Amino acid sequence: MPRVSQEQARQNRQRVVEVAAALFRERGLHGVGVADIMASAGLTHGGFYGQFANKDALAVEALESALAEERRGNGDALIANYLSLAHVQDPGKGCPLAALANDVAREPPGSPVRARFTRGVESLAAILAGLMPRLSKERRRQQSLAAVSTLVGAVVLARAVDDAALAKELLEAATASASR
């Protein structure tokens, strides 16, 4: 079998990371295996270990990739998009904080996945703090952490309830709270 070029290997790796980011958000960290990820990326399972040390290493990169997608939004558009029914209904393309919070909570303290998730929470809080320039630094921090909790919590709950009206109410209440 011919070896792939460095450029093709880079593209393959990026494809695996993107596919993993979506599948982890859809099915959870432990709801999808390496074989599923590689098959969904159109690659063989055997190629995985040539690119990643283990599944956790892939999870960290996938989390980074998904968080980078989230950071592309800004300001009120970020909040409106975050608290939308589209975000609730398509976790594979949504924020990994809302999609993976429960899974990451089960990771051991000090795990690379938990550490990257923590930096993601800090990053979202920093973005939201930037929307509150007139407050003191301490108050911005407190308000931004409350906003992160509200946004993530609303999406998690809206995904979990089996009542569409209640899901919509959760998003609307969070929007009203985050807009203050």
N, C-alpha and C. Protein backbone atom coordinates (compact mmCIF):
# COMPACT_ATOMS: atom_id res chain seq x y z
N MET A 1 0.84 -1.17 0.00
CA MET A 1 0.00 0.00 0.00
C MET A 1 0.89 1.25 0.00
N PRO A 2 0.62 2.20 -0.90
CA PRO A 2 1.48 3.39 -0.97
C PRO A 2 1.28 4.28 0.25
N ARG A 3 2.39 4.92 0.64
CA ARG A 3 2.33 5.85 1.78
C ARG A 3 1.65 7.14 1.31
N VAL A 4 0.97 7.78 2.22
CA VAL A 4 0.33 9.05 1.88
C VAL A 4 1.33 10.17 2.09
N SER A 5 1.15 11.24 1.35
CA SER A 5 2.03 12.40 1.50
C SER A 5 1.79 13.05 2.85
N GLN A 6 2.73 13.90 3.26
CA GLN A 6 2.57 14.62 4.52
C GLN A 6 1.31 15.49 4.48
N GLU A 7 1.06 16.09 3.32
CA GLU A 7 -0.14 16.94 3.19
C GLU A 7 -1.40 16.09 3.32
N GLN A 8 -1.42 14.93 2.70
CA GLN A 8 -2.59 14.06 2.81
C GLN A 8 -2.75 13.57 4.24
N ALA A 9 -1.66 13.25 4.90
CA ALA A 9 -1.72 12.82 6.31
C ALA A 9 -2.28 13.94 7.18
N ARG A 10 -1.87 15.18 6.91
CA ARG A 10 -2.39 16.33 7.66
C ARG A 10 -3.89 16.48 7.43
N GLN A 11 -4.31 16.34 6.17
CA GLN A 11 -5.74 16.45 5.84
C GLN A 11 -6.54 15.33 6.50
N ASN A 12 -5.98 14.12 6.48
CA ASN A 12 -6.65 12.98 7.11
C ASN A 12 -6.82 13.22 8.62
N ARG A 13 -5.76 13.70 9.23
CA ARG A 13 -5.81 13.98 10.68
C ARG A 13 -6.88 15.02 10.99
N GLN A 14 -6.91 16.09 10.19
CA GLN A 14 -7.91 17.14 10.40
C GLN A 14 -9.32 16.59 10.22
N ARG A 15 -9.49 15.73 9.23
CA ARG A 15 -10.81 15.12 9.00
C ARG A 15 -11.22 14.27 10.21
N VAL A 16 -10.30 13.50 10.75
CA VAL A 16 -10.59 12.67 11.92
C VAL A 16 -10.98 13.56 13.10
N VAL A 17 -10.27 14.64 13.32
CA VAL A 17 -10.57 15.56 14.42
C VAL A 17 -11.96 16.16 14.24
N GLU A 18 -12.28 16.61 13.03
CA GLU A 18 -13.59 17.21 12.78
C GLU A 18 -14.72 16.20 12.97
N VAL A 19 -14.53 15.00 12.46
CA VAL A 19 -15.54 13.96 12.61
C VAL A 19 -15.71 13.60 14.09
N ALA A 20 -14.59 13.45 14.79
CA ALA A 20 -14.64 13.12 16.22
C ALA A 20 -15.35 14.23 17.00
N ALA A 21 -15.06 15.48 16.66
CA ALA A 21 -15.70 16.60 17.37
C ALA A 21 -17.21 16.51 17.25
N ALA A 22 -17.70 16.21 16.06
CA ALA A 22 -19.15 16.10 15.86
C ALA A 22 -19.71 14.87 16.55
N LEU A 23 -19.05 13.73 16.39
CA LEU A 23 -19.56 12.49 16.99
C LEU A 23 -19.52 12.53 18.52
N PHE A 24 -18.48 13.09 19.09
CA PHE A 24 -18.43 13.20 20.55
C PHE A 24 -19.57 14.08 21.05
N ARG A 25 -19.85 15.18 20.34
CA ARG A 25 -20.94 16.06 20.76
C ARG A 25 -22.30 15.38 20.60
N GLU A 26 -22.43 14.56 19.58
CA GLU A 26 -23.71 13.86 19.34
C GLU A 26 -23.93 12.70 20.30
N ARG A 27 -22.88 11.90 20.52
CA ARG A 27 -23.04 10.63 21.25
C ARG A 27 -22.32 10.58 22.60
N GLY A 28 -21.52 11.57 22.91
CA GLY A 28 -20.76 11.57 24.15
C GLY A 28 -19.39 10.96 23.96
N LEU A 29 -18.52 11.23 24.92
CA LEU A 29 -17.14 10.74 24.83
C LEU A 29 -17.05 9.22 24.82
N HIS A 30 -17.95 8.57 25.52
CA HIS A 30 -17.89 7.12 25.62
C HIS A 30 -18.96 6.43 24.77
N GLY A 31 -19.71 7.23 24.01
CA GLY A 31 -20.75 6.67 23.15
C GLY A 31 -20.29 6.40 21.74
N VAL A 32 -19.03 6.65 21.46
CA VAL A 32 -18.46 6.43 20.14
C VAL A 32 -17.04 5.90 20.30
N GLY A 33 -16.70 4.92 19.49
CA GLY A 33 -15.38 4.32 19.57
C GLY A 33 -14.48 4.79 18.44
N VAL A 34 -13.22 4.45 18.55
CA VAL A 34 -12.23 4.81 17.54
C VAL A 34 -12.63 4.25 16.18
N ALA A 35 -13.09 3.02 16.14
CA ALA A 35 -13.47 2.41 14.85
C ALA A 35 -14.60 3.19 14.19
N ASP A 36 -15.59 3.64 14.99
CA ASP A 36 -16.70 4.43 14.45
C ASP A 36 -16.20 5.76 13.88
N ILE A 37 -15.31 6.40 14.61
CA ILE A 37 -14.78 7.69 14.18
C ILE A 37 -14.02 7.53 12.87
N MET A 38 -13.13 6.54 12.83
CA MET A 38 -12.33 6.35 11.63
C MET A 38 -13.20 5.98 10.43
N ALA A 39 -14.19 5.12 10.64
CA ALA A 39 -15.09 4.75 9.54
C ALA A 39 -15.87 5.97 9.05
N SER A 40 -16.33 6.80 9.97
CA SER A 40 -17.07 8.00 9.59
C SER A 40 -16.18 8.99 8.85
N ALA A 41 -14.90 8.96 9.12
CA ALA A 41 -13.94 9.83 8.43
C ALA A 41 -13.50 9.22 7.10
N GLY A 42 -13.95 7.99 6.83
CA GLY A 42 -13.58 7.32 5.58
C GLY A 42 -12.18 6.75 5.60
N LEU A 43 -11.69 6.43 6.81
CA LEU A 43 -10.34 5.91 6.95
C LEU A 43 -10.37 4.59 7.70
N THR A 44 -9.28 3.86 7.64
CA THR A 44 -9.21 2.57 8.32
C THR A 44 -8.85 2.76 9.79
N HIS A 45 -9.32 1.85 10.60
CA HIS A 45 -9.06 1.88 12.04
C HIS A 45 -7.56 1.83 12.32
N GLY A 46 -6.83 1.09 11.52
CA GLY A 46 -5.39 0.92 11.73
C GLY A 46 -4.61 2.22 11.64
N GLY A 47 -5.11 3.20 10.92
CA GLY A 47 -4.41 4.46 10.77
C GLY A 47 -4.49 5.37 11.98
N PHE A 48 -5.38 5.04 12.90
CA PHE A 48 -5.60 5.91 14.05
C PHE A 48 -4.34 6.10 14.89
N TYR A 49 -3.69 5.00 15.25
CA TYR A 49 -2.56 5.08 16.18
C TYR A 49 -1.30 5.66 15.56
N GLY A 50 -1.29 5.79 14.25
CA GLY A 50 -0.20 6.50 13.61
C GLY A 50 -0.35 8.01 13.75
N GLN A 51 -1.57 8.44 14.11
CA GLN A 51 -1.84 9.87 14.20
C GLN A 51 -2.10 10.37 15.63
N PHE A 52 -2.60 9.47 16.48
CA PHE A 52 -2.97 9.87 17.85
C PHE A 52 -2.44 8.84 18.84
N ALA A 53 -2.01 9.31 20.00
CA ALA A 53 -1.50 8.40 21.02
C ALA A 53 -2.60 7.50 21.56
N ASN A 54 -3.82 8.05 21.70
CA ASN A 54 -4.95 7.30 22.22
C ASN A 54 -6.23 8.10 22.00
N LYS A 55 -7.34 7.56 22.42
CA LYS A 55 -8.63 8.21 22.23
C LYS A 55 -8.70 9.52 23.01
N ASP A 56 -8.11 9.56 24.20
CA ASP A 56 -8.10 10.80 24.98
C ASP A 56 -7.38 11.92 24.24
N ALA A 57 -6.28 11.60 23.59
CA ALA A 57 -5.54 12.61 22.83
C ALA A 57 -6.41 13.16 21.70
N LEU A 58 -7.14 12.27 21.04
CA LEU A 58 -8.07 12.71 20.00
C LEU A 58 -9.18 13.57 20.62
N ALA A 59 -9.69 13.15 21.76
CA ALA A 59 -10.77 13.91 22.41
C ALA A 59 -10.33 15.32 22.73
N VAL A 60 -9.10 15.49 23.19
CA VAL A 60 -8.59 16.83 23.51
C VAL A 60 -8.54 17.67 22.23
N GLU A 61 -8.02 17.11 21.14
CA GLU A 61 -7.96 17.86 19.88
C GLU A 61 -9.35 18.16 19.34
N ALA A 62 -10.26 17.18 19.46
CA ALA A 62 -11.62 17.39 18.99
C ALA A 62 -12.32 18.47 19.80
N LEU A 63 -12.09 18.47 21.09
CA LEU A 63 -12.66 19.50 21.96
C LEU A 63 -12.10 20.87 21.58
N GLU A 64 -10.81 20.94 21.33
CA GLU A 64 -10.19 22.20 20.89
C GLU A 64 -10.82 22.69 19.59
N SER A 65 -11.00 21.79 18.64
CA SER A 65 -11.58 22.14 17.36
C SER A 65 -13.01 22.66 17.53
N ALA A 66 -13.80 21.96 18.34
CA ALA A 66 -15.19 22.38 18.57
C ALA A 66 -15.26 23.71 19.29
N LEU A 67 -14.37 23.93 20.25
CA LEU A 67 -14.35 25.21 20.97
C LEU A 67 -13.94 26.35 20.04
N ALA A 68 -13.03 26.08 19.12
CA ALA A 68 -12.61 27.11 18.15
C ALA A 68 -13.80 27.52 17.29
N GLU A 69 -14.64 26.57 16.93
CA GLU A 69 -15.86 26.90 16.17
C GLU A 69 -16.74 27.83 16.97
N GLU A 70 -16.90 27.56 18.25
CA GLU A 70 -17.74 28.36 19.13
C GLU A 70 -17.24 29.79 19.25
N ARG A 71 -15.92 29.97 19.28
CA ARG A 71 -15.34 31.30 19.47
C ARG A 71 -15.54 32.20 18.27
N ARG A 72 -16.02 31.66 17.16
CA ARG A 72 -16.22 32.48 15.97
C ARG A 72 -17.39 33.44 16.12
N GLY A 73 -18.32 33.12 17.03
CA GLY A 73 -19.44 34.01 17.26
C GLY A 73 -18.99 35.18 18.12
N ASN A 74 -19.85 36.21 18.20
CA ASN A 74 -19.49 37.33 19.07
C ASN A 74 -20.75 38.02 19.59
N GLY A 75 -20.61 38.62 20.73
CA GLY A 75 -21.63 39.47 21.29
C GLY A 75 -23.01 38.86 21.36
N ASP A 76 -23.99 39.72 21.07
CA ASP A 76 -25.39 39.30 21.16
C ASP A 76 -25.68 38.16 20.20
N ALA A 77 -25.00 38.14 19.06
CA ALA A 77 -25.20 37.04 18.11
C ALA A 77 -24.78 35.72 18.74
N LEU A 78 -23.71 35.73 19.51
CA LEU A 78 -23.26 34.51 20.18
C LEU A 78 -24.34 34.01 21.13
N ILE A 79 -24.90 34.91 21.92
CA ILE A 79 -25.93 34.52 22.88
C ILE A 79 -27.18 34.04 22.16
N ALA A 80 -27.61 34.76 21.14
CA ALA A 80 -28.81 34.37 20.39
C ALA A 80 -28.61 33.02 19.72
N ASN A 81 -27.46 32.80 19.12
CA ASN A 81 -27.19 31.52 18.47
C ASN A 81 -27.10 30.39 19.50
N TYR A 82 -26.46 30.68 20.62
CA TYR A 82 -26.30 29.66 21.66
C TYR A 82 -27.66 29.22 22.19
N LEU A 83 -28.54 30.16 22.41
CA LEU A 83 -29.84 29.87 23.01
C LEU A 83 -30.93 29.69 21.96
N SER A 84 -30.55 29.12 20.83
CA SER A 84 -31.52 28.88 19.75
C SER A 84 -31.96 27.42 19.72
N LEU A 85 -33.15 27.20 19.15
CA LEU A 85 -33.63 25.83 18.98
C LEU A 85 -32.70 25.06 18.04
N ALA A 86 -32.13 25.74 17.06
CA ALA A 86 -31.21 25.07 16.14
C ALA A 86 -30.01 24.48 16.90
N HIS A 87 -29.49 25.22 17.86
CA HIS A 87 -28.37 24.72 18.66
C HIS A 87 -28.81 23.53 19.50
N VAL A 88 -29.98 23.63 20.09
CA VAL A 88 -30.50 22.54 20.91
C VAL A 88 -30.69 21.28 20.07
N GLN A 89 -31.20 21.44 18.86
CA GLN A 89 -31.55 20.29 18.03
C GLN A 89 -30.38 19.68 17.27
N ASP A 90 -29.24 20.33 17.25
CA ASP A 90 -28.10 19.80 16.51
C ASP A 90 -26.82 19.84 17.35
N PRO A 91 -26.76 18.98 18.37
CA PRO A 91 -25.59 19.01 19.25
C PRO A 91 -24.27 18.73 18.53
N GLY A 92 -24.30 17.99 17.44
CA GLY A 92 -23.07 17.67 16.71
C GLY A 92 -22.38 18.89 16.14
N LYS A 93 -23.13 19.97 15.97
CA LYS A 93 -22.54 21.21 15.46
C LYS A 93 -22.52 22.30 16.52
N GLY A 94 -22.92 21.96 17.73
CA GLY A 94 -23.03 22.97 18.77
C GLY A 94 -21.86 23.02 19.71
N CYS A 95 -22.09 23.73 20.79
CA CYS A 95 -21.04 23.95 21.78
C CYS A 95 -20.71 22.66 22.52
N PRO A 96 -19.44 22.32 22.60
CA PRO A 96 -19.06 21.11 23.32
C PRO A 96 -19.26 21.23 24.83
N LEU A 97 -19.33 22.45 25.34
CA LEU A 97 -19.55 22.60 26.78
C LEU A 97 -20.92 22.04 27.15
N ALA A 98 -21.95 22.39 26.38
CA ALA A 98 -23.29 21.89 26.65
C ALA A 98 -23.42 20.41 26.30
N ALA A 99 -22.73 19.98 25.26
CA ALA A 99 -22.86 18.60 24.80
C ALA A 99 -22.10 17.61 25.68
N LEU A 100 -21.01 18.05 26.28
CA LEU A 100 -20.11 17.10 26.94
C LEU A 100 -19.91 17.32 28.44
N ALA A 101 -20.61 18.28 29.02
CA ALA A 101 -20.39 18.59 30.44
C ALA A 101 -20.55 17.35 31.32
N ASN A 102 -21.59 16.57 31.10
CA ASN A 102 -21.80 15.38 31.95
C ASN A 102 -20.72 14.34 31.74
N ASP A 103 -20.30 14.13 30.51
CA ASP A 103 -19.23 13.17 30.24
C ASP A 103 -17.92 13.61 30.88
N VAL A 104 -17.59 14.88 30.70
CA VAL A 104 -16.32 15.39 31.23
C VAL A 104 -16.32 15.34 32.76
N ALA A 105 -17.48 15.54 33.37
CA ALA A 105 -17.57 15.47 34.83
C ALA A 105 -17.18 14.09 35.35
N ARG A 106 -17.29 13.08 34.50
CA ARG A 106 -16.95 11.70 34.89
C ARG A 106 -15.49 11.35 34.60
N GLU A 107 -14.78 12.26 33.95
CA GLU A 107 -13.35 12.04 33.69
C GLU A 107 -12.58 12.25 34.99
N PRO A 108 -11.48 11.56 35.16
CA PRO A 108 -10.72 11.73 36.41
C PRO A 108 -10.13 13.14 36.52
N PRO A 109 -10.05 13.64 37.76
CA PRO A 109 -9.40 14.95 37.95
C PRO A 109 -8.00 14.92 37.35
N GLY A 110 -7.65 16.01 36.71
CA GLY A 110 -6.33 16.11 36.10
C GLY A 110 -6.23 15.50 34.71
N SER A 111 -7.31 14.93 34.20
CA SER A 111 -7.24 14.34 32.85
C SER A 111 -7.08 15.45 31.82
N PRO A 112 -6.41 15.16 30.70
CA PRO A 112 -6.24 16.17 29.66
C PRO A 112 -7.58 16.67 29.11
N VAL A 113 -8.56 15.79 29.03
CA VAL A 113 -9.87 16.20 28.51
C VAL A 113 -10.51 17.19 29.48
N ARG A 114 -10.45 16.89 30.77
CA ARG A 114 -11.04 17.78 31.77
C ARG A 114 -10.30 19.13 31.77
N ALA A 115 -8.99 19.10 31.64
CA ALA A 115 -8.21 20.34 31.61
C ALA A 115 -8.59 21.20 30.41
N ARG A 116 -8.78 20.58 29.23
CA ARG A 116 -9.15 21.34 28.03
C ARG A 116 -10.56 21.88 28.16
N PHE A 117 -11.45 21.11 28.74
CA PHE A 117 -12.82 21.56 28.96
C PHE A 117 -12.81 22.78 29.89
N THR A 118 -12.01 22.73 30.93
CA THR A 118 -11.89 23.84 31.88
C THR A 118 -11.46 25.11 31.16
N ARG A 119 -10.46 24.99 30.29
CA ARG A 119 -10.01 26.16 29.53
C ARG A 119 -11.12 26.66 28.60
N GLY A 120 -11.97 25.76 28.12
CA GLY A 120 -13.10 26.17 27.29
C GLY A 120 -14.12 26.98 28.07
N VAL A 121 -14.37 26.58 29.31
CA VAL A 121 -15.28 27.35 30.18
C VAL A 121 -14.69 28.74 30.41
N GLU A 122 -13.40 28.78 30.72
CA GLU A 122 -12.73 30.06 30.95
C GLU A 122 -12.80 30.95 29.70
N SER A 123 -12.61 30.35 28.54
CA SER A 123 -12.63 31.11 27.29
C SER A 123 -14.01 31.70 27.02
N LEU A 124 -15.06 30.90 27.19
CA LEU A 124 -16.42 31.42 26.97
C LEU A 124 -16.72 32.51 27.99
N ALA A 125 -16.31 32.32 29.23
CA ALA A 125 -16.53 33.34 30.26
C ALA A 125 -15.80 34.64 29.89
N ALA A 126 -14.60 34.52 29.35
CA ALA A 126 -13.84 35.71 28.95
C ALA A 126 -14.54 36.45 27.81
N ILE A 127 -15.08 35.71 26.85
CA ILE A 127 -15.82 36.34 25.75
C ILE A 127 -17.02 37.10 26.30
N LEU A 128 -17.76 36.45 27.19
CA LEU A 128 -18.94 37.09 27.77
C LEU A 128 -18.55 38.27 28.65
N ALA A 129 -17.44 38.17 29.37
CA ALA A 129 -16.97 39.29 30.20
C ALA A 129 -16.66 40.50 29.34
N GLY A 130 -16.19 40.25 28.12
CA GLY A 130 -15.91 41.34 27.19
C GLY A 130 -17.14 42.12 26.80
N LEU A 131 -18.31 41.54 26.99
CA LEU A 131 -19.57 42.22 26.68
C LEU A 131 -20.03 43.11 27.83
N MET A 132 -19.29 43.10 28.93
CA MET A 132 -19.68 43.83 30.14
C MET A 132 -18.59 44.82 30.55
N PRO A 133 -18.18 45.71 29.68
CA PRO A 133 -17.01 46.54 29.95
C PRO A 133 -17.18 47.55 31.08
N ARG A 134 -18.40 47.92 31.43
CA ARG A 134 -18.57 48.97 32.43
C ARG A 134 -18.51 48.44 33.87
N LEU A 135 -18.42 47.14 34.02
CA LEU A 135 -18.37 46.57 35.35
C LEU A 135 -16.92 46.43 35.81
N SER A 136 -16.74 46.33 37.10
CA SER A 136 -15.39 46.09 37.62
C SER A 136 -14.93 44.70 37.17
N LYS A 137 -13.65 44.48 37.21
CA LYS A 137 -13.10 43.19 36.76
C LYS A 137 -13.71 42.04 37.56
N GLU A 138 -13.81 42.20 38.87
CA GLU A 138 -14.38 41.15 39.72
C GLU A 138 -15.85 40.91 39.39
N ARG A 139 -16.60 41.97 39.18
CA ARG A 139 -18.04 41.84 38.86
C ARG A 139 -18.22 41.23 37.46
N ARG A 140 -17.37 41.62 36.50
CA ARG A 140 -17.44 41.01 35.15
C ARG A 140 -17.21 39.52 35.24
N ARG A 141 -16.22 39.12 36.02
CA ARG A 141 -15.92 37.69 36.19
C ARG A 141 -17.13 36.96 36.76
N GLN A 142 -17.70 37.50 37.81
CA GLN A 142 -18.86 36.88 38.44
C GLN A 142 -20.05 36.80 37.47
N GLN A 143 -20.32 37.89 36.79
CA GLN A 143 -21.45 37.92 35.85
C GLN A 143 -21.21 36.99 34.65
N SER A 144 -19.97 36.95 34.17
CA SER A 144 -19.69 36.10 33.00
C SER A 144 -19.80 34.62 33.36
N LEU A 145 -19.38 34.24 34.57
CA LEU A 145 -19.52 32.84 35.00
C LEU A 145 -21.00 32.50 35.18
N ALA A 146 -21.78 33.44 35.69
CA ALA A 146 -23.23 33.21 35.81
C ALA A 146 -23.85 33.06 34.42
N ALA A 147 -23.40 33.87 33.47
CA ALA A 147 -23.93 33.78 32.11
C ALA A 147 -23.56 32.44 31.46
N VAL A 148 -22.31 32.00 31.64
CA VAL A 148 -21.91 30.69 31.10
C VAL A 148 -22.81 29.60 31.70
N SER A 149 -23.01 29.65 32.99
CA SER A 149 -23.85 28.66 33.66
C SER A 149 -25.28 28.69 33.10
N THR A 150 -25.79 29.88 32.88
CA THR A 150 -27.14 30.03 32.35
C THR A 150 -27.24 29.49 30.93
N LEU A 151 -26.30 29.87 30.07
CA LEU A 151 -26.34 29.42 28.68
C LEU A 151 -26.21 27.91 28.58
N VAL A 152 -25.16 27.37 29.19
CA VAL A 152 -24.92 25.93 29.10
C VAL A 152 -26.07 25.16 29.75
N GLY A 153 -26.48 25.59 30.93
CA GLY A 153 -27.57 24.91 31.64
C GLY A 153 -28.87 24.91 30.86
N ALA A 154 -29.19 26.04 30.25
CA ALA A 154 -30.43 26.11 29.47
C ALA A 154 -30.41 25.14 28.29
N VAL A 155 -29.28 25.07 27.60
CA VAL A 155 -29.18 24.16 26.46
C VAL A 155 -29.23 22.71 26.91
N VAL A 156 -28.51 22.38 27.97
CA VAL A 156 -28.53 21.01 28.50
C VAL A 156 -29.96 20.61 28.87
N LEU A 157 -30.65 21.46 29.59
CA LEU A 157 -32.02 21.15 30.01
C LEU A 157 -32.97 21.10 28.83
N ALA A 158 -32.86 22.03 27.90
CA ALA A 158 -33.74 22.04 26.73
C ALA A 158 -33.56 20.77 25.90
N ARG A 159 -32.36 20.25 25.86
CA ARG A 159 -32.12 18.99 25.14
C ARG A 159 -32.71 17.80 25.89
N ALA A 160 -32.77 17.90 27.21
CA ALA A 160 -33.16 16.74 28.02
C ALA A 160 -34.67 16.60 28.20
N VAL A 161 -35.41 17.69 28.18
CA VAL A 161 -36.85 17.59 28.42
C VAL A 161 -37.57 17.06 27.18
N ASP A 162 -38.70 16.41 27.42
CA ASP A 162 -39.47 15.88 26.28
C ASP A 162 -40.71 16.73 26.01
N ASP A 163 -40.62 17.99 26.35
CA ASP A 163 -41.72 18.94 26.16
C ASP A 163 -41.16 20.13 25.38
N ALA A 164 -41.55 20.24 24.10
CA ALA A 164 -41.01 21.29 23.23
C ALA A 164 -41.32 22.69 23.76
N ALA A 165 -42.50 22.86 24.34
CA ALA A 165 -42.87 24.17 24.88
C ALA A 165 -41.97 24.54 26.06
N LEU A 166 -41.71 23.57 26.93
CA LEU A 166 -40.83 23.82 28.07
C LEU A 166 -39.41 24.11 27.58
N ALA A 167 -38.94 23.38 26.58
CA ALA A 167 -37.60 23.64 26.03
C ALA A 167 -37.51 25.08 25.53
N LYS A 168 -38.53 25.52 24.83
CA LYS A 168 -38.56 26.89 24.31
C LYS A 168 -38.58 27.90 25.47
N GLU A 169 -39.36 27.61 26.50
CA GLU A 169 -39.41 28.50 27.66
C GLU A 169 -38.05 28.59 28.36
N LEU A 170 -37.35 27.47 28.47
CA LEU A 170 -36.02 27.47 29.08
C LEU A 170 -35.07 28.39 28.31
N LEU A 171 -35.12 28.30 26.99
CA LEU A 171 -34.25 29.14 26.16
C LEU A 171 -34.63 30.61 26.27
N GLU A 172 -35.92 30.88 26.28
CA GLU A 172 -36.38 32.27 26.39
C GLU A 172 -36.02 32.86 27.74
N ALA A 173 -36.17 32.09 28.81
CA ALA A 173 -35.82 32.58 30.14
C ALA A 173 -34.32 32.85 30.22
N ALA A 174 -33.52 31.97 29.66
CA ALA A 174 -32.07 32.18 29.67
C ALA A 174 -31.69 33.39 28.84
N THR A 175 -32.37 33.59 27.71
CA THR A 175 -32.11 34.77 26.88
C THR A 175 -32.41 36.04 27.65
N ALA A 176 -33.54 36.06 28.34
CA ALA A 176 -33.91 37.24 29.13
C ALA A 176 -32.88 37.48 30.23
N SER A 177 -32.44 36.43 30.87
CA SER A 177 -31.46 36.56 31.95
C SER A 177 -30.11 37.04 31.42
N ALA A 178 -29.68 36.49 30.30
CA ALA A 178 -28.37 36.83 29.74
C ALA A 178 -28.36 38.23 29.13
N SER A 179 -29.53 38.75 28.79
CA SER A 179 -29.62 40.07 28.14
C SER A 179 -29.61 41.21 29.14
N ARG A 180 -29.68 40.91 30.42
CA ARG A 180 -29.70 41.98 31.44
C ARG A 180 -28.37 42.65 31.55
